């Protein structure tokens, strides 16, 4: 298979940066692990949310990653969530404050793009923040208010993404989108592969079922060092009185069963993210969380870092 000139250039540039010391190496940091509504969840009267309202240690922000290059002082966010304000603040405490270099959007469900409103004139009044989006996502933002105002006032600058075409961010980093099957009412849905000088990470916060994808999850995991994957629900029946087939996601127990025969080193790459407020694995030390860890997998934790 031919390697594109863009990818070849990136590989050559990465060789120069390969031996960067740990304190200057680019990295990913987790800014949120919960499903679109976070924990506690609006309108929820269950114990999971009542306890979280009373105990901030039990609260979780919406699924989001940040990409940081300490050398260039560049920072990107993967998804703009309803918790954008606090996540940007957290990022400023983790990395040296600097302007946001861009935002990569996975799709048009509320937990993944509505944080863009914070860039508008009512709040930050940002200037030309690059927002990377697939064609339908770009069209959605350009044609529908209030998002189109962000475009007209040049608070954001839309940058096109294409399936499996890498975006070279600088001499050490690139991000490649890839389509995944999901409920695409308004936009397509993508995951991202983030590639640095030493390591690669994949981010798939939303997908319907692994069997619907034209790629094998096992092969995707084999090609990276860390895989943040959809862990929305632990098991079927988690939401009483609701047909969970209407909100298809791979249950964590299904993903673990699918990957059960993998070597321990491969299982340890998997970190479940985008957990619904009802997901018992969100509670540290719960039977669900212990079962995941005992099976050799992990649950994403806010503020954890992955050196690239």
Protein backbone atom coordinates (compact mmCIF):
# COMPACT_ATOMS: atom_id res chain seq x y z
CA UNK A 1 0.00 0.00 0.00
CA UNK A 2 1.37 3.41 -0.97
CA UNK A 3 2.10 5.87 1.83
CA UNK A 4 0.84 9.38 1.15
CA UNK A 5 3.47 12.10 0.89
CA UNK A 6 1.80 13.85 3.85
CA UNK A 7 2.15 10.80 6.07
CA UNK A 8 5.72 10.19 4.89
CA UNK A 9 6.65 13.77 5.76
CA UNK A 10 5.12 13.32 9.22
CA UNK A 11 7.10 10.11 9.81
CA UNK A 12 10.35 11.82 8.83
CA UNK A 13 9.66 14.78 11.09
CA UNK A 14 8.78 12.48 13.99
CA UNK A 15 12.21 10.85 13.77
CA UNK A 16 13.75 14.17 14.67
CA UNK A 17 11.53 14.47 17.77
CA UNK A 18 11.69 10.80 18.80
CA UNK A 19 14.27 11.24 21.54
CA UNK A 20 12.53 14.12 23.31
CA UNK A 21 12.86 13.86 27.12
CA UNK A 22 9.71 12.92 29.02
CA UNK A 23 9.07 16.44 30.31
CA UNK A 24 8.94 17.81 26.77
CA UNK A 25 7.17 14.91 25.09
CA UNK A 26 3.63 15.57 23.81
CA UNK A 27 0.84 13.87 25.73
CA UNK A 28 -2.88 13.25 25.99
CA UNK A 29 -4.80 14.04 29.16
CA UNK A 30 -8.33 12.90 30.05
CA UNK A 31 -10.66 15.79 30.91
CA UNK A 32 -13.88 13.80 31.29
CA UNK A 33 -15.14 10.22 31.29
CA UNK A 34 -18.95 10.40 31.46
CA UNK A 35 -21.69 10.16 28.83
CA UNK A 36 -23.19 13.37 27.36
CA UNK A 37 -25.11 14.39 30.49
CA UNK A 38 -22.29 13.82 32.97
CA UNK A 39 -22.75 12.70 36.58
CA UNK A 40 -24.94 13.85 38.26
CA UNK A 41 -27.39 13.79 35.38
CA UNK A 42 -30.18 16.32 34.85
CA UNK A 43 -33.52 15.09 36.18
CA UNK A 44 -32.11 11.87 37.63
CA UNK A 45 -33.56 10.88 41.01
CA UNK A 46 -31.59 7.65 41.33
CA UNK A 47 -29.08 7.05 44.10
CA UNK A 48 -26.17 7.45 41.68
CA UNK A 49 -27.08 11.10 41.08
CA UNK A 50 -28.44 11.98 44.53
CA UNK A 51 -25.17 10.88 46.08
CA UNK A 52 -23.13 12.72 43.45
CA UNK A 53 -24.98 15.99 44.10
CA UNK A 54 -23.97 15.70 47.76
CA UNK A 55 -20.41 14.49 47.16
CA UNK A 56 -18.28 16.28 44.55
CA UNK A 57 -15.81 13.38 44.62
CA UNK A 58 -18.46 11.25 42.90
CA UNK A 59 -19.08 13.73 40.10
CA UNK A 60 -17.74 13.19 36.59
CA UNK A 61 -17.44 15.50 33.60
CA UNK A 62 -18.42 14.58 30.06
CA UNK A 63 -16.04 12.51 27.94
CA UNK A 64 -13.21 14.63 26.51
CA UNK A 65 -9.49 14.36 25.78
CA UNK A 66 -6.90 17.09 25.37
CA UNK A 67 -3.72 16.91 23.33
CA UNK A 68 -0.75 18.95 24.58
CA UNK A 69 2.65 19.76 23.09
CA UNK A 70 4.79 21.36 25.83
CA UNK A 71 7.48 22.44 23.36
CA UNK A 72 5.24 24.39 21.00
CA UNK A 73 2.76 25.36 23.78
CA UNK A 74 -0.06 24.09 21.56
CA UNK A 75 -3.23 22.50 22.95
CA UNK A 76 -6.14 20.82 21.25
CA UNK A 77 -9.37 19.39 22.63
CA UNK A 78 -11.12 16.31 21.32
CA UNK A 79 -14.82 17.21 21.54
CA UNK A 80 -16.39 20.35 22.99
CA UNK A 81 -18.68 19.16 25.77
CA UNK A 82 -21.29 20.83 27.98
CA UNK A 83 -18.48 20.91 30.58
CA UNK A 84 -16.22 22.92 28.26
CA UNK A 85 -15.79 25.75 30.78
CA UNK A 86 -14.45 23.60 33.60
CA UNK A 87 -12.48 21.37 31.24
CA UNK A 88 -10.70 24.34 29.70
CA UNK A 89 -9.92 25.58 33.21
CA UNK A 90 -8.59 22.14 34.16
CA UNK A 91 -6.42 22.11 31.05
CA UNK A 92 -5.00 25.52 31.95
CA UNK A 93 -3.96 24.14 35.34
CA UNK A 94 -2.39 21.03 33.77
CA UNK A 95 -0.55 22.74 30.91
CA UNK A 96 0.95 26.20 30.70
CA UNK A 97 -1.87 28.61 29.73
CA UNK A 98 -1.96 29.41 26.03
CA UNK A 99 -4.57 29.90 23.36
CA UNK A 100 -6.55 26.86 22.23
CA UNK A 101 -4.97 25.56 19.03
CA UNK A 102 -8.09 23.76 17.87
CA UNK A 103 -10.99 21.42 18.60
CA UNK A 104 -11.69 18.10 16.92
CA UNK A 105 -15.37 17.02 16.89
CA UNK A 106 -16.48 13.39 16.79
CA UNK A 107 -20.17 14.02 15.98
CA UNK A 108 -23.35 16.01 16.50
CA UNK A 109 -24.78 14.61 19.75
CA UNK A 110 -25.06 17.16 22.53
CA UNK A 111 -22.21 15.92 24.67
CA UNK A 112 -19.69 16.34 21.89
CA UNK A 113 -20.11 19.77 20.32
CA UNK A 114 -22.38 22.07 22.37
CA UNK A 115 -19.42 23.44 24.34
CA UNK A 116 -18.64 25.47 21.24
CA UNK A 117 -21.16 28.04 22.51
CA UNK A 118 -18.58 29.14 25.09
CA UNK A 119 -16.45 30.50 22.23
CA UNK A 120 -19.16 32.98 21.20
CA UNK A 121 -19.31 36.70 21.90
CA UNK A 122 -21.49 36.11 24.95
CA UNK A 123 -18.55 34.40 26.69
CA UNK A 124 -14.97 34.14 25.34
CA UNK A 125 -15.47 36.05 22.11
CA UNK A 126 -12.83 33.82 20.54
CA UNK A 127 -11.09 34.63 17.27
CA UNK A 128 -10.86 31.97 14.56
CA UNK A 129 -10.43 28.92 16.80
CA UNK A 130 -9.93 26.02 14.35
CA UNK A 131 -12.77 23.49 14.62
CA UNK A 132 -12.08 20.28 12.73
CA UNK A 133 -15.21 18.49 11.52
CA UNK A 134 -16.45 15.99 8.97
CA UNK A 135 -18.54 17.24 5.99
CA UNK A 136 -22.02 16.76 7.50
CA UNK A 137 -20.84 18.20 10.80
CA UNK A 138 -19.45 21.26 9.01
CA UNK A 139 -22.71 21.70 7.13
CA UNK A 140 -24.71 21.36 10.35
CA UNK A 141 -22.68 24.06 12.10
CA UNK A 142 -22.80 26.37 9.08
CA UNK A 143 -26.56 26.16 8.49
CA UNK A 144 -28.08 26.01 11.97
CA UNK A 145 -28.24 28.60 14.73
CA UNK A 146 -26.73 29.46 17.05
CA UNK A 147 -23.69 27.69 15.62
CA UNK A 148 -23.76 29.53 12.31
CA UNK A 149 -23.25 32.78 14.24
CA UNK A 150 -19.95 31.43 15.55
CA UNK A 151 -18.94 30.95 11.92
CA UNK A 152 -20.21 34.34 10.71
CA UNK A 153 -18.54 36.24 13.54
CA UNK A 154 -15.36 34.24 13.04
CA UNK A 155 -15.31 32.93 16.58
CA UNK A 156 -14.52 29.58 14.99
CA UNK A 157 -12.86 28.63 11.72
CA UNK A 158 -14.18 25.36 10.32
CA UNK A 159 -11.52 22.99 9.05
CA UNK A 160 -12.56 19.96 6.97
CA UNK A 161 -11.84 16.38 7.94
CA UNK A 162 -11.91 13.39 5.62
CA UNK A 163 -12.22 9.74 6.51
CA UNK A 164 -8.77 8.17 7.08
CA UNK A 165 -6.93 11.33 5.99
CA UNK A 166 -4.43 12.49 8.66
CA UNK A 167 -4.22 16.08 9.87
CA UNK A 168 -0.59 16.98 10.60
CA UNK A 169 -0.64 19.36 13.56
CA UNK A 170 3.08 19.96 13.84
CA UNK A 171 6.36 18.10 13.48
CA UNK A 172 5.43 15.65 16.26
CA UNK A 173 1.69 15.13 16.16
CA UNK A 174 -1.06 14.09 13.80
CA UNK A 175 -4.75 13.20 14.18
CA UNK A 176 -6.59 10.88 11.80
CA UNK A 177 -10.42 10.59 11.78
CA UNK A 178 -12.18 7.36 10.87
CA UNK A 179 -15.88 6.71 10.42
CA UNK A 180 -17.78 4.52 12.88
CA UNK A 181 -21.44 3.41 12.79
CA UNK A 182 -23.62 5.42 15.16
CA UNK A 183 -27.00 7.14 15.28
CA UNK A 184 -26.19 9.78 12.68
CA UNK A 185 -29.36 11.87 12.80
CA UNK A 186 -27.57 15.12 11.96
CA UNK A 187 -23.93 14.30 11.31
CA UNK A 188 -21.58 11.43 10.66
CA UNK A 189 -19.60 9.97 13.59
CA UNK A 190 -15.87 9.45 13.80
CA UNK A 191 -13.24 8.20 16.16
CA UNK A 192 -9.69 9.56 16.18
CA UNK A 193 -6.24 8.05 16.05
CA UNK A 194 -3.68 10.35 17.66
CA UNK A 195 -0.08 9.69 16.67
CA UNK A 196 3.00 11.06 18.40
CA UNK A 197 6.74 10.42 18.14
CA UNK A 198 6.60 7.28 20.29
CA UNK A 199 3.01 6.18 20.80
CA UNK A 200 -0.44 6.18 19.23
CA UNK A 201 -3.82 6.37 20.93
CA UNK A 202 -7.30 5.69 19.59
CA UNK A 203 -10.43 7.49 20.85
CA UNK A 204 -13.87 5.97 20.10
CA UNK A 205 -16.35 7.45 22.59
CA UNK A 206 -19.47 6.44 20.61
CA UNK A 207 -20.25 3.47 18.39
CA UNK A 208 -23.38 1.35 17.96
CA UNK A 209 -21.95 -2.18 18.13
CA UNK A 210 -18.51 -3.49 17.23
CA UNK A 211 -20.08 -6.01 14.86
CA UNK A 212 -21.53 -3.20 12.73
CA UNK A 213 -18.10 -1.69 12.08
CA UNK A 214 -16.15 -2.58 8.95
CA UNK A 215 -12.99 -2.89 11.06
CA UNK A 216 -12.04 -5.40 13.72
CA UNK A 217 -11.61 -3.88 17.16
CA UNK A 218 -8.83 -6.35 17.91
CA UNK A 219 -6.77 -5.06 14.98
CA UNK A 220 -7.36 -1.44 15.96
CA UNK A 221 -6.13 -2.15 19.49
CA UNK A 222 -3.07 -3.99 18.16
CA UNK A 223 -2.02 -0.87 16.24
CA UNK A 224 -1.95 1.51 19.23
CA UNK A 225 -0.58 1.74 22.75
CA UNK A 226 -3.85 2.92 24.38
CA UNK A 227 -7.47 2.58 23.24
CA UNK A 228 -10.19 4.75 24.79
CA UNK A 229 -13.40 2.97 23.76
CA UNK A 230 -17.14 3.31 24.24
CA UNK A 231 -18.13 2.10 27.71
CA UNK A 232 -21.52 3.82 27.89
CA UNK A 233 -23.35 0.93 29.55
CA UNK A 234 -22.04 -1.92 31.63
CA UNK A 235 -24.76 -4.43 30.75
CA UNK A 236 -28.25 -4.79 29.29
CA UNK A 237 -31.13 -3.84 31.59
CA UNK A 238 -29.18 -0.96 33.13
CA UNK A 239 -32.04 1.46 32.41
CA UNK A 240 -35.25 -0.14 33.71
CA UNK A 241 -38.36 0.30 31.59
CA UNK A 242 -36.44 1.31 28.48
CA UNK A 243 -35.55 -0.76 25.43
CA UNK A 244 -31.79 -0.36 25.29
CA UNK A 245 -31.76 -1.46 21.66
CA UNK A 246 -33.03 2.06 20.95
CA UNK A 247 -29.75 3.45 22.28
CA UNK A 248 -27.28 0.90 20.91
CA UNK A 249 -23.79 0.84 22.35
CA UNK A 250 -21.45 -2.10 22.98
CA UNK A 251 -22.05 -3.11 26.58
CA UNK A 252 -18.81 -3.31 28.53
CA UNK A 253 -19.50 -6.97 29.29
CA UNK A 254 -19.84 -7.59 25.53
CA UNK A 255 -16.55 -5.86 24.76
CA UNK A 256 -14.76 -7.80 27.50
CA UNK A 257 -16.19 -11.09 26.23
CA UNK A 258 -15.13 -10.26 22.69
CA UNK A 259 -11.58 -9.49 23.80
CA UNK A 260 -11.31 -12.20 26.46
CA UNK A 261 -8.80 -14.28 24.48
CA UNK A 262 -6.37 -11.41 23.93
CA UNK A 263 -3.02 -11.44 25.75
CA UNK A 264 -2.90 -9.45 28.97
CA UNK A 265 -0.74 -6.78 27.33
CA UNK A 266 -3.44 -6.13 24.72
CA UNK A 267 -6.27 -6.04 27.24
CA UNK A 268 -4.41 -3.51 29.37
CA UNK A 269 -4.50 -1.04 26.46
CA UNK A 270 -8.31 -0.80 26.69
CA UNK A 271 -9.74 2.03 28.81
CA UNK A 272 -13.51 2.39 28.89
CA UNK A 273 -14.77 5.96 28.55
CA UNK A 274 -18.09 7.80 27.95
CA UNK A 275 -19.81 5.98 30.85
CA UNK A 276 -23.50 6.74 31.39
CA UNK A 277 -24.57 8.05 34.79
CA UNK A 278 -26.32 4.71 35.42
CA UNK A 279 -23.15 2.73 34.72
CA UNK A 280 -22.04 1.07 37.99
CA UNK A 281 -18.44 1.06 36.75
CA UNK A 282 -18.33 4.83 37.34
CA UNK A 283 -18.21 4.11 41.06
CA UNK A 284 -14.66 3.24 42.09
CA UNK A 285 -14.50 -0.07 43.93
CA UNK A 286 -17.95 -1.24 42.77
CA UNK A 287 -18.40 -4.89 41.72
CA UNK A 288 -18.57 -3.72 38.08
CA UNK A 289 -15.35 -1.72 38.37
CA UNK A 290 -13.59 -4.62 40.07
CA UNK A 291 -14.81 -7.05 37.39
CA UNK A 292 -13.34 -4.83 34.67
CA UNK A 293 -9.99 -4.56 36.40
CA UNK A 294 -9.85 -8.26 37.28
CA UNK A 295 -10.49 -9.06 33.62
CA UNK A 296 -7.40 -7.08 32.66
CA UNK A 297 -9.09 -3.93 31.34
CA UNK A 298 -9.21 -0.39 32.70
CA UNK A 299 -11.61 2.49 33.22
CA UNK A 300 -10.51 5.94 32.06
CA UNK A 301 -9.75 8.32 34.91
CA UNK A 302 -9.91 12.09 34.74
CA UNK A 303 -6.52 13.81 34.57
CA UNK A 304 -4.67 10.62 33.60
CA UNK A 305 -1.95 11.26 31.02
CA UNK A 306 -0.61 9.21 28.14
CA UNK A 307 2.78 10.24 26.81
CA UNK A 308 3.01 10.22 23.06
